[in-house]
């Protein structure tokens, strides 16, 4: 796919799939940019990768973990932890919902 070959309708369809509301100016701006991206993807798809091992990580680094250790000097009782809370219920913090239902 070469630059400029994506129609307005294709951009609108991609935006709809991504749940984006794009203005006419944004659609015009993204047409050549997305065409360039798709052109690059087309080039990558022509690479011969037979015999190339799949990789998920190339640095060889590993996560170094430590054991969880409880420092009892820094622990709070439930009452101490809830002492300055604005709202509690049955020994728990009460907070406003941060997610909306769809």
N, C-alpha and C. Protein backbone atom coordinates (compact mmCIF):
# COMPACT_ATOMS: atom_id res chain seq x y z
N UNK A 1 0.85 -1.17 0.00
CA UNK A 1 0.00 0.00 0.00
C UNK A 1 0.89 1.23 0.00
N UNK A 2 0.73 2.09 -0.94
CA UNK A 2 1.58 3.27 -1.02
C UNK A 2 0.92 4.44 -0.31
N UNK A 3 1.70 5.49 -0.15
CA UNK A 3 1.18 6.66 0.56
C UNK A 3 -0.06 7.21 -0.14
N UNK A 4 -1.04 7.64 0.67
CA UNK A 4 -2.21 8.30 0.13
C UNK A 4 -3.27 7.39 -0.45
N UNK A 5 -3.15 6.07 -0.28
CA UNK A 5 -4.12 5.17 -0.88
C UNK A 5 -5.24 4.78 0.07
N UNK A 6 -5.24 5.27 1.28
CA UNK A 6 -6.32 4.96 2.20
C UNK A 6 -7.44 5.98 2.03
N UNK A 7 -8.63 5.48 1.81
CA UNK A 7 -9.77 6.38 1.63
C UNK A 7 -10.24 6.92 2.97
N UNK A 8 -11.02 7.97 2.87
CA UNK A 8 -11.63 8.56 4.06
C UNK A 8 -12.48 7.52 4.78
N UNK A 9 -13.18 6.69 4.02
CA UNK A 9 -14.05 5.67 4.59
C UNK A 9 -13.25 4.64 5.40
N UNK A 10 -12.07 4.26 4.89
CA UNK A 10 -11.23 3.30 5.61
C UNK A 10 -10.75 3.91 6.93
N UNK A 11 -10.33 5.17 6.88
CA UNK A 11 -9.88 5.85 8.10
C UNK A 11 -11.04 5.93 9.10
N UNK A 12 -12.22 6.26 8.62
CA UNK A 12 -13.39 6.33 9.51
C UNK A 12 -13.70 4.96 10.11
N UNK A 13 -13.55 3.91 9.31
CA UNK A 13 -13.81 2.56 9.80
C UNK A 13 -12.79 2.18 10.88
N UNK A 14 -11.53 2.46 10.64
CA UNK A 14 -10.48 2.18 11.62
C UNK A 14 -10.74 2.97 12.90
N UNK A 15 -11.12 4.23 12.76
CA UNK A 15 -11.42 5.06 13.93
C UNK A 15 -12.60 4.50 14.70
N UNK A 16 -13.61 4.02 13.98
CA UNK A 16 -14.78 3.44 14.65
C UNK A 16 -14.38 2.19 15.43
N UNK A 17 -13.54 1.34 14.82
CA UNK A 17 -13.08 0.14 15.52
C UNK A 17 -12.31 0.49 16.78
N UNK A 18 -11.55 1.58 16.72
CA UNK A 18 -10.76 2.03 17.87
C UNK A 18 -11.57 2.93 18.81
N UNK A 19 -12.85 3.12 18.48
CA UNK A 19 -13.75 3.97 19.27
C UNK A 19 -13.19 5.38 19.41
N UNK A 20 -12.72 5.92 18.27
CA UNK A 20 -12.21 7.29 18.23
C UNK A 20 -13.16 8.15 17.42
N UNK A 21 -13.43 9.34 17.90
CA UNK A 21 -14.22 10.31 17.15
C UNK A 21 -13.24 11.28 16.51
N UNK A 22 -13.02 11.14 15.21
CA UNK A 22 -12.07 11.99 14.51
C UNK A 22 -12.80 13.07 13.73
N UNK A 23 -12.23 14.27 13.75
CA UNK A 23 -12.77 15.35 12.94
C UNK A 23 -12.30 15.16 11.50
N UNK A 24 -12.90 15.91 10.58
CA UNK A 24 -12.50 15.83 9.17
C UNK A 24 -11.03 16.20 9.02
N UNK A 25 -10.57 17.17 9.79
CA UNK A 25 -9.16 17.58 9.74
C UNK A 25 -8.25 16.45 10.20
N UNK A 26 -8.65 15.78 11.27
CA UNK A 26 -7.84 14.66 11.77
C UNK A 26 -7.81 13.51 10.77
N UNK A 27 -8.94 13.22 10.15
CA UNK A 27 -8.99 12.16 9.14
C UNK A 27 -8.04 12.48 8.01
N UNK A 28 -8.07 13.72 7.56
CA UNK A 28 -7.19 14.15 6.47
C UNK A 28 -5.72 14.03 6.88
N UNK A 29 -5.44 14.37 8.13
CA UNK A 29 -4.07 14.30 8.66
C UNK A 29 -3.59 12.85 8.74
N UNK A 30 -4.47 11.94 9.17
CA UNK A 30 -4.07 10.56 9.40
C UNK A 30 -4.03 9.71 8.12
N UNK A 31 -4.68 10.15 7.05
CA UNK A 31 -4.67 9.35 5.81
C UNK A 31 -3.26 9.02 5.34
N UNK A 32 -2.39 10.00 5.13
CA UNK A 32 -1.04 9.64 4.67
C UNK A 32 -0.21 8.94 5.74
N UNK A 33 -0.44 9.28 7.02
CA UNK A 33 0.32 8.64 8.09
C UNK A 33 0.00 7.16 8.18
N UNK A 34 -1.28 6.81 8.15
CA UNK A 34 -1.66 5.40 8.23
C UNK A 34 -1.26 4.65 6.96
N UNK A 35 -1.35 5.31 5.82
CA UNK A 35 -0.91 4.67 4.58
C UNK A 35 0.57 4.33 4.67
N UNK A 36 1.35 5.23 5.25
CA UNK A 36 2.78 4.99 5.43
C UNK A 36 3.03 3.81 6.37
N UNK A 37 2.27 3.75 7.46
CA UNK A 37 2.40 2.64 8.41
C UNK A 37 2.06 1.32 7.72
N UNK A 38 0.94 1.30 6.99
CA UNK A 38 0.54 0.07 6.31
C UNK A 38 1.55 -0.32 5.22
N UNK A 39 2.16 0.68 4.58
CA UNK A 39 3.20 0.40 3.60
C UNK A 39 4.40 -0.27 4.26
N UNK A 40 4.77 0.20 5.43
CA UNK A 40 5.88 -0.39 6.18
C UNK A 40 5.54 -1.82 6.58
N UNK A 41 4.31 -2.04 7.02
CA UNK A 41 3.87 -3.39 7.39
C UNK A 41 3.96 -4.31 6.18
N UNK A 42 3.57 -3.82 5.02
CA UNK A 42 3.66 -4.63 3.80
C UNK A 42 5.10 -5.04 3.52
N UNK A 43 6.04 -4.11 3.72
CA UNK A 43 7.45 -4.44 3.52
C UNK A 43 7.90 -5.53 4.49
N UNK A 44 7.49 -5.40 5.75
CA UNK A 44 7.88 -6.38 6.76
C UNK A 44 7.31 -7.75 6.42
N UNK A 45 6.09 -7.77 5.88
CA UNK A 45 5.46 -9.05 5.55
C UNK A 45 6.20 -9.80 4.44
N UNK A 46 7.02 -9.11 3.66
CA UNK A 46 7.76 -9.78 2.58
C UNK A 46 9.04 -10.44 3.08
N UNK A 47 9.45 -10.17 4.31
CA UNK A 47 10.68 -10.76 4.83
C UNK A 47 10.54 -12.27 4.96
N UNK A 48 11.59 -12.97 4.59
CA UNK A 48 11.60 -14.42 4.72
C UNK A 48 12.12 -14.75 6.12
N UNK A 49 11.26 -15.32 6.92
CA UNK A 49 11.63 -15.62 8.31
C UNK A 49 11.67 -17.11 8.59
N UNK A 50 11.67 -17.92 7.55
CA UNK A 50 11.77 -19.37 7.76
C UNK A 50 13.09 -19.67 8.46
N UNK A 51 13.03 -20.49 9.48
CA UNK A 51 14.24 -20.87 10.20
C UNK A 51 14.67 -19.87 11.26
N UNK A 52 13.97 -18.76 11.38
CA UNK A 52 14.31 -17.78 12.41
C UNK A 52 13.53 -18.15 13.67
N UNK A 53 14.25 -18.31 14.76
CA UNK A 53 13.62 -18.68 16.02
C UNK A 53 12.77 -17.52 16.55
N UNK A 54 11.62 -17.87 17.09
CA UNK A 54 10.78 -16.85 17.71
C UNK A 54 11.44 -16.37 18.99
N UNK A 55 11.29 -15.09 19.27
CA UNK A 55 11.82 -14.55 20.51
C UNK A 55 10.75 -13.73 21.21
N UNK A 56 10.76 -13.79 22.50
CA UNK A 56 9.85 -12.95 23.26
C UNK A 56 10.65 -11.98 24.13
N UNK A 57 11.93 -12.22 24.22
CA UNK A 57 12.78 -11.41 25.08
C UNK A 57 14.20 -11.55 24.55
N UNK A 58 14.87 -10.46 24.30
CA UNK A 58 16.17 -10.54 23.64
C UNK A 58 17.34 -10.06 24.49
N UNK A 59 17.09 -9.54 25.68
CA UNK A 59 18.18 -8.98 26.47
C UNK A 59 18.90 -10.01 27.32
N UNK A 60 18.21 -11.13 27.62
CA UNK A 60 18.80 -12.12 28.51
C UNK A 60 18.68 -11.76 29.98
N UNK A 61 18.10 -10.60 30.26
CA UNK A 61 17.94 -10.19 31.65
C UNK A 61 16.77 -10.92 32.29
N UNK A 62 16.86 -11.14 33.58
CA UNK A 62 15.80 -11.80 34.32
C UNK A 62 15.39 -10.93 35.49
N UNK A 63 14.12 -11.03 35.87
CA UNK A 63 13.67 -10.32 37.06
C UNK A 63 14.35 -10.91 38.29
N UNK A 64 14.82 -10.04 39.14
CA UNK A 64 15.41 -10.48 40.40
C UNK A 64 14.41 -10.13 41.49
N UNK A 65 13.92 -11.14 42.15
CA UNK A 65 12.91 -10.94 43.18
C UNK A 65 13.54 -11.13 44.55
N UNK A 66 12.90 -10.55 45.53
CA UNK A 66 13.30 -10.78 46.91
C UNK A 66 12.10 -11.33 47.65
N UNK A 67 12.36 -12.02 48.73
CA UNK A 67 11.27 -12.53 49.55
C UNK A 67 10.54 -11.37 50.21
N UNK A 68 9.23 -11.49 50.30
CA UNK A 68 8.46 -10.50 51.05
C UNK A 68 8.74 -10.69 52.53
N UNK A 69 9.12 -9.62 53.17
CA UNK A 69 9.43 -9.69 54.59
C UNK A 69 8.53 -8.67 55.30
N UNK A 70 7.87 -9.09 56.33
CA UNK A 70 6.99 -8.20 57.10
C UNK A 70 7.81 -7.55 58.19
N UNK A 71 7.82 -6.22 58.18
CA UNK A 71 8.49 -5.46 59.23
C UNK A 71 7.40 -5.07 60.23
N UNK A 72 7.29 -5.83 61.29
CA UNK A 72 6.20 -5.64 62.24
C UNK A 72 6.26 -4.28 62.93
N UNK A 73 7.42 -3.63 62.93
CA UNK A 73 7.52 -2.30 63.53
C UNK A 73 6.78 -1.26 62.69
N UNK A 74 6.58 -1.56 61.41
CA UNK A 74 5.92 -0.61 60.52
C UNK A 74 4.45 -0.95 60.27
N UNK A 75 3.97 -2.01 60.87
CA UNK A 75 2.59 -2.44 60.66
C UNK A 75 1.62 -1.58 61.44
N UNK A 76 0.44 -1.37 60.87
CA UNK A 76 -0.63 -0.66 61.56
C UNK A 76 -1.73 -1.65 61.89
N UNK A 77 -2.37 -1.42 63.01
CA UNK A 77 -3.57 -2.22 63.30
C UNK A 77 -4.67 -1.72 62.37
N UNK A 78 -5.74 -2.47 62.27
CA UNK A 78 -6.85 -2.06 61.42
C UNK A 78 -7.41 -0.71 61.88
N UNK A 79 -7.54 -0.55 63.19
CA UNK A 79 -8.05 0.72 63.72
C UNK A 79 -7.13 1.88 63.36
N UNK A 80 -5.82 1.67 63.48
CA UNK A 80 -4.86 2.73 63.14
C UNK A 80 -4.92 3.07 61.66
N UNK A 81 -5.05 2.04 60.82
CA UNK A 81 -5.09 2.27 59.38
C UNK A 81 -6.34 3.04 58.97
N UNK A 82 -7.44 2.80 59.64
CA UNK A 82 -8.71 3.44 59.28
C UNK A 82 -8.97 4.74 60.02
N UNK A 83 -8.10 5.09 60.95
CA UNK A 83 -8.33 6.23 61.83
C UNK A 83 -8.64 7.52 61.07
N UNK A 84 -7.91 7.84 60.02
CA UNK A 84 -8.10 9.10 59.29
C UNK A 84 -8.91 8.94 58.00
N UNK A 85 -9.51 7.79 57.81
CA UNK A 85 -10.31 7.57 56.60
C UNK A 85 -11.57 8.42 56.65
N UNK A 86 -11.95 8.99 55.51
CA UNK A 86 -13.17 9.78 55.45
C UNK A 86 -14.40 8.91 55.67
N UNK A 87 -14.38 7.72 55.04
CA UNK A 87 -15.53 6.82 55.17
C UNK A 87 -15.04 5.39 55.32
N UNK A 88 -15.71 4.66 56.21
CA UNK A 88 -15.40 3.23 56.39
C UNK A 88 -16.72 2.47 56.51
N UNK A 89 -16.63 1.17 56.32
CA UNK A 89 -17.79 0.30 56.50
C UNK A 89 -17.28 -1.09 56.87
N UNK A 90 -17.71 -1.57 58.01
CA UNK A 90 -17.33 -2.91 58.48
C UNK A 90 -15.82 -3.15 58.43
N UNK A 91 -15.04 -2.15 58.80
CA UNK A 91 -13.60 -2.32 58.86
C UNK A 91 -12.87 -2.15 57.54
N UNK A 92 -13.54 -1.58 56.52
CA UNK A 92 -12.92 -1.37 55.21
C UNK A 92 -13.02 0.11 54.83
N UNK A 93 -12.10 0.56 53.98
CA UNK A 93 -12.19 1.89 53.40
C UNK A 93 -13.36 1.92 52.43
N UNK A 94 -14.08 3.02 52.37
CA UNK A 94 -15.13 3.22 51.37
C UNK A 94 -14.66 4.35 50.47
N UNK A 95 -14.63 4.08 49.16
CA UNK A 95 -14.20 5.09 48.19
C UNK A 95 -15.24 5.19 47.09
N UNK A 96 -15.25 6.32 46.40
CA UNK A 96 -16.16 6.49 45.28
C UNK A 96 -15.74 5.57 44.14
N UNK A 97 -16.71 5.14 43.36
CA UNK A 97 -16.42 4.28 42.21
C UNK A 97 -15.56 5.05 41.20
N UNK A 98 -14.59 4.37 40.62
CA UNK A 98 -13.73 5.00 39.62
C UNK A 98 -13.97 4.44 38.23
N UNK A 99 -14.75 3.38 38.13
CA UNK A 99 -15.07 2.78 36.83
C UNK A 99 -16.55 2.94 36.57
N UNK A 100 -16.88 3.19 35.31
CA UNK A 100 -18.30 3.26 34.98
C UNK A 100 -18.70 2.00 34.24
N UNK A 101 -19.93 1.63 34.37
CA UNK A 101 -20.42 0.43 33.69
C UNK A 101 -20.75 0.77 32.26
N UNK A 102 -20.54 -0.18 31.36
CA UNK A 102 -20.85 0.04 29.95
C UNK A 102 -22.13 -0.65 29.60
